[in-house]
Amino acid sequence: MSDAPDQKVSLGCGTLIVIGLIVLFLGNANDTKDVERKLDAMNKKLERIEKRLESRP
């Protein structure tokens, strides 16, 4: 293998997709947990609202 300055490295489309997916998963790990917490809180609120509506005459 020579270290000629005019040699270029090219990545295939599949390689770029894999790199993108890794960055996506590792970069958004905290965001996903935050969204899950918010959805859980909303679900609990909706359950309380449904119970109130069911108990009304």
C-alpha atoms as a PDB file:
ATOM      1  CA  MET A   1       0.000   0.000   0.000  1.00  0.00           C
ATOM      2  CA  SER A   2       1.464   3.338  -0.967  1.00  0.00           C
ATOM      3  CA  ASP A   3       0.761   6.727   0.547  1.00  0.00           C
ATOM      4  CA  ALA A   4       0.451   8.652  -2.691  1.00  0.00           C
ATOM      5  CA  PRO A   5      -1.133  12.080  -2.140  1.00  0.00           C
ATOM      6  CA  ASP A   6      -3.468  11.689  -5.129  1.00  0.00           C
ATOM      7  CA  GLN A   7      -5.211   8.589  -3.799  1.00  0.00           C
ATOM      8  CA  LYS A   8      -8.761   9.130  -2.575  1.00  0.00           C
ATOM      9  CA  VAL A   9     -10.932   7.075  -0.307  1.00  0.00           C
ATOM     10  CA  SER A  10     -14.497   6.534  -1.392  1.00  0.00           C
ATOM     11  CA  LEU A  11     -17.240   5.127   0.772  1.00  0.00           C
ATOM     12  CA  GLY A  12     -20.102   3.168  -0.638  1.00  0.00           C
ATOM     13  CA  CYS A  13     -23.712   4.155  -0.152  1.00  0.00           C
ATOM     14  CA  GLY A  14     -24.284   1.304   2.305  1.00  0.00           C
ATOM     15  CA  THR A  15     -21.344   2.390   4.439  1.00  0.00           C
ATOM     16  CA  LEU A  16     -22.650   5.940   4.600  1.00  0.00           C
ATOM     17  CA  ILE A  17     -26.105   4.702   5.592  1.00  0.00           C
ATOM     18  CA  VAL A  18     -24.643   2.565   8.392  1.00  0.00           C
ATOM     19  CA  ILE A  19     -22.603   5.520   9.676  1.00  0.00           C
ATOM     20  CA  GLY A  20     -25.706   7.709   9.554  1.00  0.00           C
ATOM     21  CA  LEU A  21     -27.764   5.172  11.504  1.00  0.00           C
ATOM     22  CA  ILE A  22     -25.082   4.858  14.177  1.00  0.00           C
ATOM     23  CA  VAL A  23     -24.946   8.628  14.577  1.00  0.00           C
ATOM     24  CA  LEU A  24     -28.749   8.808  14.654  1.00  0.00           C
ATOM     25  CA  PHE A  25     -29.112   6.181  17.379  1.00  0.00           C
ATOM     26  CA  LEU A  26     -26.246   7.404  19.530  1.00  0.00           C
ATOM     27  CA  GLY A  27     -27.090  11.077  19.106  1.00  0.00           C
ATOM     28  CA  ASN A  28     -30.770  10.789  19.991  1.00  0.00           C
ATOM     29  CA  ALA A  29     -30.623   8.354  22.904  1.00  0.00           C
ATOM     30  CA  ASN A  30     -31.514  11.017  25.494  1.00  0.00           C
ATOM     31  CA  ASP A  31     -34.178  12.588  23.279  1.00  0.00           C
ATOM     32  CA  THR A  32     -35.981   9.273  22.984  1.00  0.00           C
ATOM     33  CA  LYS A  33     -36.095   8.811  26.743  1.00  0.00           C
ATOM     34  CA  ASP A  34     -37.442  12.333  27.180  1.00  0.00           C
ATOM     35  CA  VAL A  35     -40.177  11.734  24.612  1.00  0.00           C
ATOM     36  CA  GLU A  36     -41.111   8.441  26.294  1.00  0.00           C
ATOM     37  CA  ARG A  37     -41.405  10.203  29.674  1.00  0.00           C
ATOM     38  CA  LYS A  38     -43.619  12.912  28.187  1.00  0.00           C
ATOM     39  CA  LEU A  39     -45.845  10.369  26.461  1.00  0.00           C
ATOM     40  CA  ASP A  40     -46.200   8.415  29.699  1.00  0.00           C
ATOM     41  CA  ALA A  41     -47.230  11.572  31.558  1.00  0.00           C
ATOM     42  CA  MET A  42     -49.771  12.414  28.846  1.00  0.00           C
ATOM     43  CA  ASN A  43     -51.173   8.884  28.983  1.00  0.00           C
ATOM     44  CA  LYS A  44     -51.705   9.165  32.738  1.00  0.00           C
ATOM     45  CA  LYS A  45     -53.483  12.503  32.307  1.00  0.00           C
ATOM     46  CA  LEU A  46     -55.733  11.059  29.621  1.00  0.00           C
ATOM     47  CA  GLU A  47     -56.629   8.138  31.873  1.00  0.00           C
ATOM     48  CA  ARG A  48     -57.632  10.561  34.649  1.00  0.00           C
ATOM     49  CA  ILE A  49     -59.765  12.561  32.211  1.00  0.00           C
ATOM     50  CA  GLU A  50     -61.460   9.396  30.958  1.00  0.00           C
ATOM     51  CA  LYS A  51     -62.266   8.322  34.520  1.00  0.00           C
ATOM     52  CA  ARG A  52     -63.791  11.726  35.253  1.00  0.00           C
ATOM     53  CA  LEU A  53     -65.888  11.600  32.102  1.00  0.00           C
ATOM     54  CA  GLU A  54     -67.099   8.085  32.890  1.00  0.00           C
ATOM     55  CA  SER A  55     -68.149   9.060  36.399  1.00  0.00           C
ATOM     56  CA  ARG A  56     -70.280  11.986  35.189  1.00  0.00           C
ATOM     57  CA  PRO A  57     -74.025  11.387  35.004  1.00  0.00           C
END
